């Protein structure tokens, strides 16, 4: 039950990030903070939630999938008139993924194991 809630949260955050990445800037629901903070925070959250909600997922394929998603966002933004693609955004996405994985590894994994949801295979 808890795992399903985490999965719903992960997919909800993914949809929220996608909407905010592709919508016209004046239509987004993202907080008005630095672009770097937004990218790092979004991908750290996605990374932590991904590994928490799919406890048997191996780290490398999960991180690669999130990197591909981040790269895909930048490619789509190349064709959007009110958006700009930037390789720095992709680099910050990668940093966020690493921070989320580190946070999950240090904190989230322990919490999941105490709830009986952890995985020994990573």
PDB file of N, CA and C in Angstrom:
ATOM      1  N   UNK A   1       0.819  -1.193   0.000  1.00  0.00           N
ATOM      2  CA  UNK A   1       0.000   0.000   0.000  1.00  0.00           C
ATOM      3  C   UNK A   1       0.866   1.262   0.000  1.00  0.00           C
ATOM      4  N   UNK A   2       1.848   1.312   0.886  1.00  0.00           N
ATOM      5  CA  UNK A   2       2.741   2.458   0.971  1.00  0.00           C
ATOM      6  C   UNK A   2       3.536   2.616  -0.326  1.00  0.00           C
ATOM      7  N   UNK A   3       3.951   1.487  -0.893  1.00  0.00           N
ATOM      8  CA  UNK A   3       4.705   1.504  -2.141  1.00  0.00           C
ATOM      9  C   UNK A   3       3.868   2.107  -3.273  1.00  0.00           C
ATOM     10  N   UNK A   4       2.585   1.769  -3.315  1.00  0.00           N
ATOM     11  CA  UNK A   4       1.696   2.329  -4.345  1.00  0.00           C
ATOM     12  C   UNK A   4       1.529   3.837  -4.170  1.00  0.00           C
ATOM     13  N   UNK A   5       1.469   4.271  -2.938  1.00  0.00           N
ATOM     14  CA  UNK A   5       1.364   5.710  -2.670  1.00  0.00           C
ATOM     15  C   UNK A   5       2.620   6.430  -3.158  1.00  0.00           C
ATOM     16  N   UNK A   6       3.778   5.852  -2.888  1.00  0.00           N
ATOM     17  CA  UNK A   6       5.036   6.442  -3.359  1.00  0.00           C
ATOM     18  C   UNK A   6       5.090   6.469  -4.884  1.00  0.00           C
ATOM     19  N   UNK A   7       4.606   5.406  -5.522  1.00  0.00           N
ATOM     20  CA  UNK A   7       4.597   5.374  -6.988  1.00  0.00           C
ATOM     21  C   UNK A   7       3.674   6.449  -7.550  1.00  0.00           C
ATOM     22  N   UNK A   8       2.513   6.614  -6.960  1.00  0.00           N
ATOM     23  CA  UNK A   8       1.592   7.663  -7.408  1.00  0.00           C
ATOM     24  C   UNK A   8       2.233   9.034  -7.229  1.00  0.00           C
ATOM     25  N   UNK A   9       2.943   9.223  -6.138  1.00  0.00           N
ATOM     26  CA  UNK A   9       3.627  10.488  -5.889  1.00  0.00           C
ATOM     27  C   UNK A   9       4.724  10.719  -6.936  1.00  0.00           C
ATOM     28  N   UNK A  10       5.503   9.668  -7.239  1.00  0.00           N
ATOM     29  CA  UNK A  10       6.550   9.783  -8.261  1.00  0.00           C
ATOM     30  C   UNK A  10       5.946  10.213  -9.602  1.00  0.00           C
ATOM     31  N   UNK A  11       4.895   9.520 -10.045  1.00  0.00           N
ATOM     32  CA  UNK A  11       4.293   9.830 -11.341  1.00  0.00           C
ATOM     33  C   UNK A  11       3.629  11.199 -11.326  1.00  0.00           C
ATOM     34  N   UNK A  12       3.078  11.594 -10.198  1.00  0.00           N
ATOM     35  CA  UNK A  12       2.506  12.931 -10.085  1.00  0.00           C
ATOM     36  C   UNK A  12       3.570  14.009 -10.214  1.00  0.00           C
ATOM     37  N   UNK A  13       4.695  13.811  -9.551  1.00  0.00           N
ATOM     38  CA  UNK A  13       5.796  14.773  -9.642  1.00  0.00           C
ATOM     39  C   UNK A  13       6.340  14.795 -11.071  1.00  0.00           C
ATOM     40  N   UNK A  14       6.442  13.632 -11.711  1.00  0.00           N
ATOM     41  CA  UNK A  14       6.918  13.575 -13.092  1.00  0.00           C
ATOM     42  C   UNK A  14       5.991  14.378 -14.020  1.00  0.00           C
ATOM     43  N   UNK A  15       4.695  14.244 -13.838  1.00  0.00           N
ATOM     44  CA  UNK A  15       3.740  15.012 -14.638  1.00  0.00           C
ATOM     45  C   UNK A  15       3.854  16.510 -14.352  1.00  0.00           C
ATOM     46  N   UNK A  16       4.012  16.866 -13.092  1.00  0.00           N
ATOM     47  CA  UNK A  16       4.170  18.268 -12.703  1.00  0.00           C
ATOM     48  C   UNK A  16       5.422  18.867 -13.345  1.00  0.00           C
ATOM     49  N   UNK A  17       6.532  18.134 -13.281  1.00  0.00           N
ATOM     50  CA  UNK A  17       7.790  18.603 -13.881  1.00  0.00           C
ATOM     51  C   UNK A  17       7.624  18.726 -15.395  1.00  0.00           C
ATOM     52  N   UNK A  18       6.987  17.738 -16.019  1.00  0.00           N
ATOM     53  CA  UNK A  18       6.789  17.783 -17.466  1.00  0.00           C
ATOM     54  C   UNK A  18       5.951  18.991 -17.870  1.00  0.00           C
ATOM     55  N   UNK A  19       4.856  19.211 -17.178  1.00  0.00           N
ATOM     56  CA  UNK A  19       4.011  20.360 -17.495  1.00  0.00           C
ATOM     57  C   UNK A  19       4.807  21.655 -17.397  1.00  0.00           C
ATOM     58  N   UNK A  20       5.546  21.809 -16.316  1.00  0.00           N
ATOM     59  CA  UNK A  20       6.296  23.035 -16.103  1.00  0.00           C
ATOM     60  C   UNK A  20       7.468  23.187 -17.065  1.00  0.00           C
ATOM     61  N   UNK A  21       7.961  22.083 -17.612  1.00  0.00           N
ATOM     62  CA  UNK A  21       9.057  22.153 -18.574  1.00  0.00           C
ATOM     63  C   UNK A  21       8.572  22.559 -19.957  1.00  0.00           C
ATOM     64  N   UNK A  22       7.315  22.229 -20.272  1.00  0.00           N
ATOM     65  CA  UNK A  22       6.825  22.458 -21.630  1.00  0.00           C
ATOM     66  C   UNK A  22       5.818  23.599 -21.754  1.00  0.00           C
ATOM     67  N   UNK A  23       5.179  23.985 -20.683  1.00  0.00           N
ATOM     68  CA  UNK A  23       4.176  25.054 -20.736  1.00  0.00           C
ATOM     69  C   UNK A  23       4.867  26.407 -20.911  1.00  0.00           C
ATOM     70  N   UNK A  24       4.119  27.363 -21.436  1.00  0.00           N
ATOM     71  CA  UNK A  24       4.640  28.720 -21.543  1.00  0.00           C
ATOM     72  C   UNK A  24       4.994  29.210 -20.133  1.00  0.00           C
ATOM     73  N   UNK A  25       6.105  29.915 -19.989  1.00  0.00           N
ATOM     74  CA  UNK A  25       6.559  30.321 -18.653  1.00  0.00           C
ATOM     75  C   UNK A  25       5.499  31.030 -17.802  1.00  0.00           C
ATOM     76  N   UNK A  26       4.638  31.819 -18.406  1.00  0.00           N
ATOM     77  CA  UNK A  26       3.623  32.518 -17.622  1.00  0.00           C
ATOM     78  C   UNK A  26       2.483  31.596 -17.180  1.00  0.00           C
ATOM     79  N   UNK A  27       2.469  30.347 -17.651  1.00  0.00           N
ATOM     80  CA  UNK A  27       1.413  29.398 -17.283  1.00  0.00           C
ATOM     81  C   UNK A  27       1.888  28.318 -16.308  1.00  0.00           C
ATOM     82  N   UNK A  28       3.125  28.371 -15.886  1.00  0.00           N
ATOM     83  CA  UNK A  28       3.661  27.318 -15.032  1.00  0.00           C
ATOM     84  C   UNK A  28       3.271  27.519 -13.572  1.00  0.00           C
ATOM     85  N   UNK A  29       3.346  26.418 -12.847  1.00  0.00           N
ATOM     86  CA  UNK A  29       3.048  26.451 -11.415  1.00  0.00           C
ATOM     87  C   UNK A  29       4.324  26.367 -10.582  1.00  0.00           C
ATOM     88  N   UNK A  30       5.462  26.485 -11.248  1.00  0.00           N
ATOM     89  CA  UNK A  30       6.743  26.376 -10.547  1.00  0.00           C
ATOM     90  C   UNK A  30       6.992  27.616  -9.696  1.00  0.00           C
ATOM     91  N   UNK A  31       7.620  27.434  -8.543  1.00  0.00           N
ATOM     92  CA  UNK A  31       7.940  28.598  -7.704  1.00  0.00           C
ATOM     93  C   UNK A  31       8.946  29.510  -8.417  1.00  0.00           C
ATOM     94  N   UNK A  32       8.942  30.757  -8.079  1.00  0.00           N
ATOM     95  CA  UNK A  32       9.832  31.741  -8.697  1.00  0.00           C
ATOM     96  C   UNK A  32      11.177  31.760  -7.969  1.00  0.00           C
ATOM     97  N   UNK A  33      12.009  30.780  -8.297  1.00  0.00           N
ATOM     98  CA  UNK A  33      13.360  30.709  -7.746  1.00  0.00           C
ATOM     99  C   UNK A  33      14.326  30.476  -8.907  1.00  0.00           C
ATOM    100  N   UNK A  34      15.584  30.405  -8.594  1.00  0.00           N
ATOM    101  CA  UNK A  34      16.622  30.190  -9.595  1.00  0.00           C
ATOM    102  C   UNK A  34      16.343  28.936 -10.425  1.00  0.00           C
ATOM    103  N   UNK A  35      16.646  29.028 -11.710  1.00  0.00           N
ATOM    104  CA  UNK A  35      16.484  27.897 -12.622  1.00  0.00           C
ATOM    105  C   UNK A  35      17.325  26.700 -12.158  1.00  0.00           C
ATOM    106  N   UNK A  36      18.484  26.974 -11.614  1.00  0.00           N
ATOM    107  CA  UNK A  36      19.361  25.907 -11.125  1.00  0.00           C
ATOM    108  C   UNK A  36      18.699  25.188  -9.953  1.00  0.00           C
ATOM    109  N   UNK A  37      18.122  25.941  -9.046  1.00  0.00           N
ATOM    110  CA  UNK A  37      17.433  25.342  -7.903  1.00  0.00           C
ATOM    111  C   UNK A  37      16.249  24.497  -8.373  1.00  0.00           C
ATOM    112  N   UNK A  38      15.501  25.014  -9.345  1.00  0.00           N
ATOM    113  CA  UNK A  38      14.353  24.260  -9.870  1.00  0.00           C
ATOM    114  C   UNK A  38      14.783  22.936 -10.488  1.00  0.00           C
ATOM    115  N   UNK A  39      15.804  22.988 -11.339  1.00  0.00           N
ATOM    116  CA  UNK A  39      16.259  21.756 -11.998  1.00  0.00           C
ATOM    117  C   UNK A  39      16.830  20.759 -10.993  1.00  0.00           C
ATOM    118  N   UNK A  40      17.711  21.217 -10.127  1.00  0.00           N
ATOM    119  CA  UNK A  40      18.324  20.317  -9.145  1.00  0.00           C
ATOM    120  C   UNK A  40      17.262  19.747  -8.207  1.00  0.00           C
ATOM    121  N   UNK A  41      16.365  20.601  -7.740  1.00  0.00           N
ATOM    122  CA  UNK A  41      15.315  20.139  -6.825  1.00  0.00           C
ATOM    123  C   UNK A  41      14.363  19.163  -7.475  1.00  0.00           C
ATOM    124  N   UNK A  42      13.968  19.451  -8.711  1.00  0.00           N
ATOM    125  CA  UNK A  42      13.041  18.559  -9.419  1.00  0.00           C
ATOM    126  C   UNK A  42      13.664  17.183  -9.629  1.00  0.00           C
ATOM    127  N   UNK A  43      14.899  17.149 -10.092  1.00  0.00           N
ATOM    128  CA  UNK A  43      15.509  15.858 -10.394  1.00  0.00           C
ATOM    129  C   UNK A  43      15.994  15.129  -9.144  1.00  0.00           C
ATOM    130  N   UNK A  44      16.333  15.849  -8.083  1.00  0.00           N
ATOM    131  CA  UNK A  44      16.639  15.182  -6.812  1.00  0.00           C
ATOM    132  C   UNK A  44      15.372  14.519  -6.273  1.00  0.00           C
ATOM    133  N   UNK A  45      14.255  15.227  -6.358  1.00  0.00           N
ATOM    134  CA  UNK A  45      12.981  14.676  -5.900  1.00  0.00           C
ATOM    135  C   UNK A  45      12.585  13.460  -6.728  1.00  0.00           C
ATOM    136  N   UNK A  46      12.691  13.590  -8.055  1.00  0.00           N
ATOM    137  CA  UNK A  46      12.348  12.463  -8.930  1.00  0.00           C
ATOM    138  C   UNK A  46      13.241  11.249  -8.645  1.00  0.00           C
ATOM    139  N   UNK A  47      14.518  11.496  -8.473  1.00  0.00           N
ATOM    140  CA  UNK A  47      15.449  10.400  -8.215  1.00  0.00           C
ATOM    141  C   UNK A  47      15.137   9.698  -6.899  1.00  0.00           C
ATOM    142  N   UNK A  48      14.974  10.464  -5.842  1.00  0.00           N
ATOM    143  CA  UNK A  48      14.654   9.866  -4.544  1.00  0.00           C
ATOM    144  C   UNK A  48      13.352   9.090  -4.580  1.00  0.00           C
ATOM    145  N   UNK A  49      12.326   9.695  -5.205  1.00  0.00           N
ATOM    146  CA  UNK A  49      11.029   9.011  -5.292  1.00  0.00           C
ATOM    147  C   UNK A  49      11.088   7.772  -6.184  1.00  0.00           C
ATOM    148  N   UNK A  50      11.868   7.839  -7.250  1.00  0.00           N
ATOM    149  CA  UNK A  50      11.985   6.680  -8.136  1.00  0.00           C
ATOM    150  C   UNK A  50      12.510   5.472  -7.376  1.00  0.00           C
ATOM    151  N   UNK A  51      13.589   5.655  -6.645  1.00  0.00           N
ATOM    152  CA  UNK A  51      14.192   4.515  -5.947  1.00  0.00           C
ATOM    153  C   UNK A  51      13.395   4.108  -4.714  1.00  0.00           C
ATOM    154  N   UNK A  52      12.660   5.033  -4.124  1.00  0.00           N
ATOM    155  CA  UNK A  52      11.811   4.676  -2.991  1.00  0.00           C
ATOM    156  C   UNK A  52      10.571   3.921  -3.452  1.00  0.00           C
ATOM    157  N   UNK A  53      10.015   4.332  -4.590  1.00  0.00           N
ATOM    158  CA  UNK A  53       8.764   3.720  -5.041  1.00  0.00           C
ATOM    159  C   UNK A  53       8.972   2.432  -5.829  1.00  0.00           C
ATOM    160  N   UNK A  54      10.150   2.232  -6.335  1.00  0.00           N
ATOM    161  CA  UNK A  54      10.488   0.985  -7.036  1.00  0.00           C
ATOM    162  C   UNK A  54      11.719   0.390  -6.348  1.00  0.00           C
ATOM    163  N   UNK A  55      11.540  -0.216  -5.175  1.00  0.00           N
ATOM    164  CA  UNK A  55      12.678  -0.621  -4.348  1.00  0.00           C
ATOM    165  C   UNK A  55      13.588  -1.683  -4.974  1.00  0.00           C
ATOM    166  N   UNK A  56      13.146  -2.377  -5.991  1.00  0.00           N
ATOM    167  CA  UNK A  56      14.002  -3.397  -6.613  1.00  0.00           C
ATOM    168  C   UNK A  56      14.748  -2.862  -7.831  1.00  0.00           C
ATOM    169  N   UNK A  57      14.542  -1.590  -8.149  1.00  0.00           N
ATOM    170  CA  UNK A  57      15.223  -1.006  -9.296  1.00  0.00           C
ATOM    171  C   UNK A  57      16.706  -0.853  -8.996  1.00  0.00           C
ATOM    172  N   UNK A  58      17.499  -1.171  -9.979  1.00  0.00           N
ATOM    173  CA  UNK A  58      18.951  -1.020  -9.863  1.00  0.00           C
ATOM    174  C   UNK A  58      19.292   0.445 -10.146  1.00  0.00           C
ATOM    175  N   UNK A  59      20.264   0.986  -9.430  1.00  0.00           N
ATOM    176  CA  UNK A  59      20.578   2.406  -9.507  1.00  0.00           C
ATOM    177  C   UNK A  59      20.941   2.890 -10.915  1.00  0.00           C
ATOM    178  N   UNK A  60      21.835   2.194 -11.588  1.00  0.00           N
ATOM    179  CA  UNK A  60      22.331   2.702 -12.873  1.00  0.00           C
ATOM    180  C   UNK A  60      21.214   2.852 -13.905  1.00  0.00           C
ATOM    181  N   UNK A  61      20.390   1.834 -14.162  1.00  0.00           N
ATOM    182  CA  UNK A  61      19.327   2.035 -15.152  1.00  0.00           C
ATOM    183  C   UNK A  61      18.334   3.129 -14.740  1.00  0.00           C
ATOM    184  N   UNK A  62      18.063   3.257 -13.466  1.00  0.00           N
ATOM    185  CA  UNK A  62      17.162   4.306 -12.999  1.00  0.00           C
ATOM    186  C   UNK A  62      17.737   5.687 -13.257  1.00  0.00           C
ATOM    187  N   UNK A  63      19.013   5.861 -12.959  1.00  0.00           N
ATOM    188  CA  UNK A  63      19.663   7.158 -13.192  1.00  0.00           C
ATOM    189  C   UNK A  63      19.744   7.464 -14.686  1.00  0.00           C
ATOM    190  N   UNK A  64      20.041   6.449 -15.496  1.00  0.00           N
ATOM    191  CA  UNK A  64      20.101   6.646 -16.949  1.00  0.00           C
ATOM    192  C   UNK A  64      18.730   7.049 -17.489  1.00  0.00           C
ATOM    193  N   UNK A  65      17.667   6.421 -16.992  1.00  0.00           N
ATOM    194  CA  UNK A  65      16.314   6.769 -17.438  1.00  0.00           C
ATOM    195  C   UNK A  65      15.993   8.225 -17.104  1.00  0.00           C
ATOM    196  N   UNK A  66      16.361   8.668 -15.913  1.00  0.00           N
ATOM    197  CA  UNK A  66      16.111  10.061 -15.541  1.00  0.00           C
ATOM    198  C   UNK A  66      16.975  11.022 -16.357  1.00  0.00           C
ATOM    199  N   UNK A  67      18.206  10.632 -16.662  1.00  0.00           N
ATOM    200  CA  UNK A  67      19.059  11.468 -17.520  1.00  0.00           C
ATOM    201  C   UNK A  67      18.469  11.588 -18.924  1.00  0.00           C
ATOM    202  N   UNK A  68      17.961  10.482 -19.450  1.00  0.00           N
ATOM    203  CA  UNK A  68      17.319  10.517 -20.766  1.00  0.00           C
ATOM    204  C   UNK A  68      16.084  11.412 -20.744  1.00  0.00           C
ATOM    205  N   UNK A  69      15.330  11.353 -19.677  1.00  0.00           N
ATOM    206  CA  UNK A  69      14.163  12.220 -19.515  1.00  0.00           C
ATOM    207  C   UNK A  69      14.599  13.690 -19.514  1.00  0.00           C
ATOM    208  N   UNK A  70      15.633  14.013 -18.743  1.00  0.00           N
ATOM    209  CA  UNK A  70      16.140  15.385 -18.703  1.00  0.00           C
ATOM    210  C   UNK A  70      16.651  15.847 -20.062  1.00  0.00           C
ATOM    211  N   UNK A  71      17.371  14.970 -20.750  1.00  0.00           N
ATOM    212  CA  UNK A  71      17.837  15.310 -22.092  1.00  0.00           C
ATOM    213  C   UNK A  71      16.682  15.477 -23.059  1.00  0.00           C
ATOM    214  N   UNK A  72      15.661  14.631 -22.911  1.00  0.00           N
ATOM    215  CA  UNK A  72      14.478  14.739 -23.754  1.00  0.00           C
ATOM    216  C   UNK A  72      13.762  16.066 -23.557  1.00  0.00           C
ATOM    217  N   UNK A  73      13.699  16.524 -22.328  1.00  0.00           N
ATOM    218  CA  UNK A  73      13.093  17.828 -22.052  1.00  0.00           C
ATOM    219  C   UNK A  73      13.823  18.914 -22.829  1.00  0.00           C
ATOM    220  N   UNK A  74      15.142  18.895 -22.766  1.00  0.00           N
ATOM    221  CA  UNK A  74      15.920  19.929 -23.454  1.00  0.00           C
ATOM    222  C   UNK A  74      15.729  19.842 -24.969  1.00  0.00           C
ATOM    223  N   UNK A  75      15.647  18.640 -25.523  1.00  0.00           N
ATOM    224  CA  UNK A  75      15.424  18.491 -26.962  1.00  0.00           C
ATOM    225  C   UNK A  75      14.056  19.028 -27.373  1.00  0.00           C
ATOM    226  N   UNK A  76      13.036  18.721 -26.593  1.00  0.00           N
ATOM    227  CA  UNK A  76      11.693  19.234 -26.904  1.00  0.00           C
ATOM    228  C   UNK A  76      11.675  20.751 -26.803  1.00  0.00           C
ATOM    229  N   UNK A  77      12.367  21.301 -25.828  1.00  0.00           N
ATOM    230  CA  UNK A  77      12.371  22.750 -25.645  1.00  0.00           C
ATOM    231  C   UNK A  77      13.032  23.488 -26.811  1.00  0.00           C
ATOM    232  N   UNK A  78      13.856  22.774 -27.596  1.00  0.00           N
ATOM    233  CA  UNK A  78      14.437  23.390 -28.788  1.00  0.00           C
ATOM    234  C   UNK A  78      13.355  23.849 -29.757  1.00  0.00           C
ATOM    235  N   UNK A  79      12.241  23.124 -29.794  1.00  0.00           N
ATOM    236  CA  UNK A  79      11.173  23.443 -30.722  1.00  0.00           C
ATOM    237  C   UNK A  79      10.035  24.258 -30.139  1.00  0.00           C
ATOM    238  N   UNK A  80      10.143  24.654 -28.899  1.00  0.00           N
ATOM    239  CA  UNK A  80       9.078  25.433 -28.269  1.00  0.00           C
ATOM    240  C   UNK A  80       9.426  26.918 -28.316  1.00  0.00           C
ATOM    241  N   UNK A  81       8.523  27.741 -28.854  1.00  0.00           N
ATOM    242  CA  UNK A  81       8.850  29.162 -29.043  1.00  0.00           C
ATOM    243  C   UNK A  81       9.115  29.934 -27.749  1.00  0.00           C
ATOM    244  N   UNK A  82       8.463  29.568 -26.659  1.00  0.00           N
ATOM    245  CA  UNK A  82       8.636  30.335 -25.418  1.00  0.00           C
ATOM    246  C   UNK A  82       9.615  29.679 -24.442  1.00  0.00           C
ATOM    247  N   UNK A  83      10.309  28.663 -24.912  1.00  0.00           N
ATOM    248  CA  UNK A  83      11.277  27.946 -24.066  1.00  0.00           C
ATOM    249  C   UNK A  83      12.640  27.940 -24.735  1.00  0.00           C
ATOM    250  N   UNK A  84      13.672  27.741 -23.931  1.00  0.00           N
ATOM    251  CA  UNK A  84      15.022  27.615 -24.474  1.00  0.00           C
ATOM    252  C   UNK A  84      15.656  26.353 -23.908  1.00  0.00           C
ATOM    253  N   UNK A  85      16.410  25.692 -24.739  1.00  0.00           N
ATOM    254  CA  UNK A  85      17.155  24.512 -24.300  1.00  0.00           C
ATOM    255  C   UNK A  85      18.548  24.973 -23.872  1.00  0.00           C
ATOM    256  N   UNK A  86      19.083  24.321 -22.856  1.00  0.00           N
ATOM    257  CA  UNK A  86      20.392  24.721 -22.342  1.00  0.00           C
ATOM    258  C   UNK A  86      21.100  23.493 -21.801  1.00  0.00           C
ATOM    259  N   UNK A  87      22.322  23.264 -22.256  1.00  0.00           N
ATOM    260  CA  UNK A  87      23.073  22.103 -21.788  1.00  0.00           C
ATOM    261  C   UNK A  87      23.356  22.212 -20.294  1.00  0.00           C
ATOM    262  N   UNK A  88      23.406  23.443 -19.760  1.00  0.00           N
ATOM    263  CA  UNK A  88      23.641  23.615 -18.325  1.00  0.00           C
ATOM    264  C   UNK A  88      22.472  23.049 -17.516  1.00  0.00           C
ATOM    265  N   UNK A  89      21.261  23.200 -18.050  1.00  0.00           N
ATOM    266  CA  UNK A  89      20.093  22.625 -17.369  1.00  0.00           C
ATOM    267  C   UNK A  89      20.248  21.107 -17.265  1.00  0.00           C
ATOM    268  N   UNK A  90      20.713  20.493 -18.339  1.00  0.00           N
ATOM    269  CA  UNK A  90      20.928  19.048 -18.348  1.00  0.00           C
ATOM    270  C   UNK A  90      21.987  18.655 -17.312  1.00  0.00           C
ATOM    271  N   UNK A  91      23.052  19.448 -17.225  1.00  0.00           N
ATOM    272  CA  UNK A  91      24.110  19.166 -16.238  1.00  0.00           C
ATOM    273  C   UNK A  91      23.566  19.279 -14.812  1.00  0.00           C
ATOM    274  N   UNK A  92      22.728  20.278 -14.568  1.00  0.00           N
ATOM    275  CA  UNK A  92      22.138  20.444 -13.237  1.00  0.00           C
ATOM    276  C   UNK A  92      21.139  19.322 -12.954  1.00  0.00           C
ATOM    277  N   UNK A  93      20.429  18.853 -13.998  1.00  0.00           N
ATOM    278  CA  UNK A  93      19.554  17.687 -13.826  1.00  0.00           C
ATOM    279  C   UNK A  93      20.369  16.494 -13.330  1.00  0.00           C
ATOM    280  N   UNK A  94      21.529  16.280 -13.952  1.00  0.00           N
ATOM    281  CA  UNK A  94      22.397  15.167 -13.550  1.00  0.00           C
ATOM    282  C   UNK A  94      22.858  15.327 -12.104  1.00  0.00           C
ATOM    283  N   UNK A  95      23.204  16.541 -11.724  1.00  0.00           N
ATOM    284  CA  UNK A  95      23.586  16.817 -10.335  1.00  0.00           C
ATOM    285  C   UNK A  95      22.424  16.500  -9.393  1.00  0.00           C
ATOM    286  N   UNK A  96      21.220  16.920  -9.766  1.00  0.00           N
ATOM    287  CA  UNK A  96      20.037  16.641  -8.949  1.00  0.00           C
ATOM    288  C   UNK A  96      19.781  15.150  -8.807  1.00  0.00           C
ATOM    289  N   UNK A  97      19.962  14.411  -9.893  1.00  0.00           N
ATOM    290  CA  UNK A  97      19.787  12.957  -9.840  1.00  0.00           C
ATOM    291  C   UNK A  97      20.771  12.353  -8.836  1.00  0.00           C
ATOM    292  N   UNK A  98      22.008  12.810  -8.905  1.00  0.00           N
ATOM    293  CA  UNK A  98      23.015  12.320  -7.962  1.00  0.00           C
ATOM    294  C   UNK A  98      22.683  12.676  -6.515  1.00  0.00           C
ATOM    295  N   UNK A  99      22.208  13.887  -6.296  1.00  0.00           N
ATOM    296  CA  UNK A  99      21.831  14.296  -4.941  1.00  0.00           C
ATOM    297  C   UNK A  99      20.645  13.486  -4.424  1.00  0.00           C
ATOM    298  N   UNK A 100      19.673  13.245  -5.297  1.00  0.00           N
ATOM    299  CA  UNK A 100      18.514  12.436  -4.903  1.00  0.00           C
ATOM    300  C   UNK A 100      18.903  11.006  -4.587  1.00  0.00           C
ATOM    301  N   UNK A 101      19.796  10.456  -5.387  1.00  0.00           N
ATOM    302  CA  UNK A 101      20.272   9.096  -5.142  1.00  0.00           C
ATOM    303  C   UNK A 101      21.047   9.030  -3.832  1.00  0.00           C
ATOM    304  N   UNK A 102      21.888  10.017  -3.590  1.00  0.00           N
ATOM    305  CA  UNK A 102      22.643  10.058  -2.341  1.00  0.00           C
ATOM    306  C   UNK A 102      21.703  10.185  -1.147  1.00  0.00           C
ATOM    307  N   UNK A 103      20.738  11.065  -1.249  1.00  0.00           N
ATOM    308  CA  UNK A 103      19.766  11.233  -0.166  1.00  0.00           C
ATOM    309  C   UNK A 103      18.982   9.966   0.084  1.00  0.00           C
ATOM    310  N   UNK A 104      18.553   9.313  -0.994  1.00  0.00           N
ATOM    311  CA  UNK A 104      17.823   8.059  -0.837  1.00  0.00           C
ATOM    312  C   UNK A 104      18.725   7.000  -0.215  1.00  0.00           C
ATOM    313  N   UNK A 105      19.950   6.915  -0.693  1.00  0.00           N
ATOM    314  CA  UNK A 105      20.877   5.889  -0.202  1.00  0.00           C
ATOM    315  C   UNK A 105      21.172   6.079   1.288  1.00  0.00           C
ATOM    316  N   UNK A 106      21.323   7.328   1.713  1.00  0.00           N
ATOM    317  CA  UNK A 106      21.661   7.594   3.109  1.00  0.00           C
ATOM    318  C   UNK A 106      20.456   7.557   4.040  1.00  0.00           C
ATOM    319  N   UNK A 107      19.301   8.003   3.555  1.00  0.00           N
ATOM    320  CA  UNK A 107      18.147   8.145   4.435  1.00  0.00           C
ATOM    321  C   UNK A 107      16.975   7.266   4.022  1.00  0.00           C
ATOM    322  N   UNK A 108      16.572   7.381   2.776  1.00  0.00           N
ATOM    323  CA  UNK A 108      15.365   6.699   2.311  1.00  0.00           C
ATOM    324  C   UNK A 108      15.455   5.190   2.378  1.00  0.00           C
ATOM    325  N   UNK A 109      16.586   4.653   2.039  1.00  0.00           N
ATOM    326  CA  UNK A 109      16.751   3.197   2.060  1.00  0.00           C
ATOM    327  C   UNK A 109      16.571   2.659   3.469  1.00  0.00           C
ATOM    328  N   UNK A 110      17.100   3.362   4.450  1.00  0.00           N
ATOM    329  CA  UNK A 110      16.960   2.947   5.846  1.00  0.00           C
ATOM    330  C   UNK A 110      15.495   2.954   6.273  1.00  0.00           C
ATOM    331  N   UNK A 111      14.785   4.004   5.883  1.00  0.00           N
ATOM    332  CA  UNK A 111      13.362   4.107   6.224  1.00  0.00           C
ATOM    333  C   UNK A 111      12.587   2.958   5.582  1.00  0.00           C
ATOM    334  N   UNK A 112      12.840   2.692   4.303  1.00  0.00           N
ATOM    335  CA  UNK A 112      12.131   1.609   3.611  1.00  0.00           C
ATOM    336  C   UNK A 112      12.446   0.252   4.233  1.00  0.00           C
ATOM    337  N   UNK A 113      13.689   0.025   4.607  1.00  0.00           N
ATOM    338  CA  UNK A 113      14.055  -1.249   5.224  1.00  0.00           C
ATOM    339  C   UNK A 113      13.335  -1.430   6.556  1.00  0.00           C
ATOM    340  N   UNK A 114      13.191  -0.363   7.303  1.00  0.00           N
ATOM    341  CA  UNK A 114      12.476  -0.448   8.590  1.00  0.00           C
ATOM    342  C   UNK A 114      10.998  -0.721   8.373  1.00  0.00           C
ATOM    343  N   UNK A 115      10.466  -0.298   7.224  1.00  0.00           N
ATOM    344  CA  UNK A 115       9.067  -0.578   6.899  1.00  0.00           C
ATOM    345  C   UNK A 115       8.901  -1.939   6.229  1.00  0.00           C
ATOM    346  N   UNK A 116      10.029  -2.631   6.001  1.00  0.00           N
ATOM    347  CA  UNK A 116       9.974  -3.947   5.366  1.00  0.00           C
ATOM    348  C   UNK A 116       9.841  -3.870   3.861  1.00  0.00           C
ATOM    349  N   UNK A 117      10.206  -2.728   3.250  1.00  0.00           N
ATOM    350  CA  UNK A 117      10.050  -2.543   1.810  1.00  0.00           C
ATOM    351  C   UNK A 117      11.402  -2.468   1.099  1.00  0.00           C
ATOM    352  N   UNK A 118      12.486  -2.584   1.791  1.00  0.00           N
ATOM    353  CA  UNK A 118      13.803  -2.404   1.202  1.00  0.00           C
ATOM    354  C   UNK A 118      14.206  -3.535   0.291  1.00  0.00           C
ATOM    355  N   UNK A 119      15.249  -3.273  -0.482  1.00  0.00           N
ATOM    356  CA  UNK A 119      15.773  -4.272  -1.408  1.00  0.00           C
ATOM    357  C   UNK A 119      17.263  -4.473  -1.135  1.00  0.00           C
ATOM    358  N   UNK A 120      17.684  -5.717  -1.126  1.00  0.00           N
ATOM    359  CA  UNK A 120      19.095  -6.015  -0.926  1.00  0.00           C
ATOM    360  C   UNK A 120      19.855  -5.953  -2.245  1.00  0.00           C
ATOM    361  N   UNK A 121      19.141  -5.972  -3.372  1.00  0.00           N
ATOM    362  CA  UNK A 121      19.805  -5.985  -4.678  1.00  0.00           C
ATOM    363  C   UNK A 121      19.724  -4.609  -5.315  1.00  0.00           C
ATOM    364  N   UNK A 122      20.840  -3.972  -5.416  1.00  0.00           N
ATOM    365  CA  UNK A 122      20.923  -2.656  -6.057  1.00  0.00           C
ATOM    366  C   UNK A 122      22.081  -2.688  -6.989  1.00  0.00           C
TER     367      UNK A 122
END
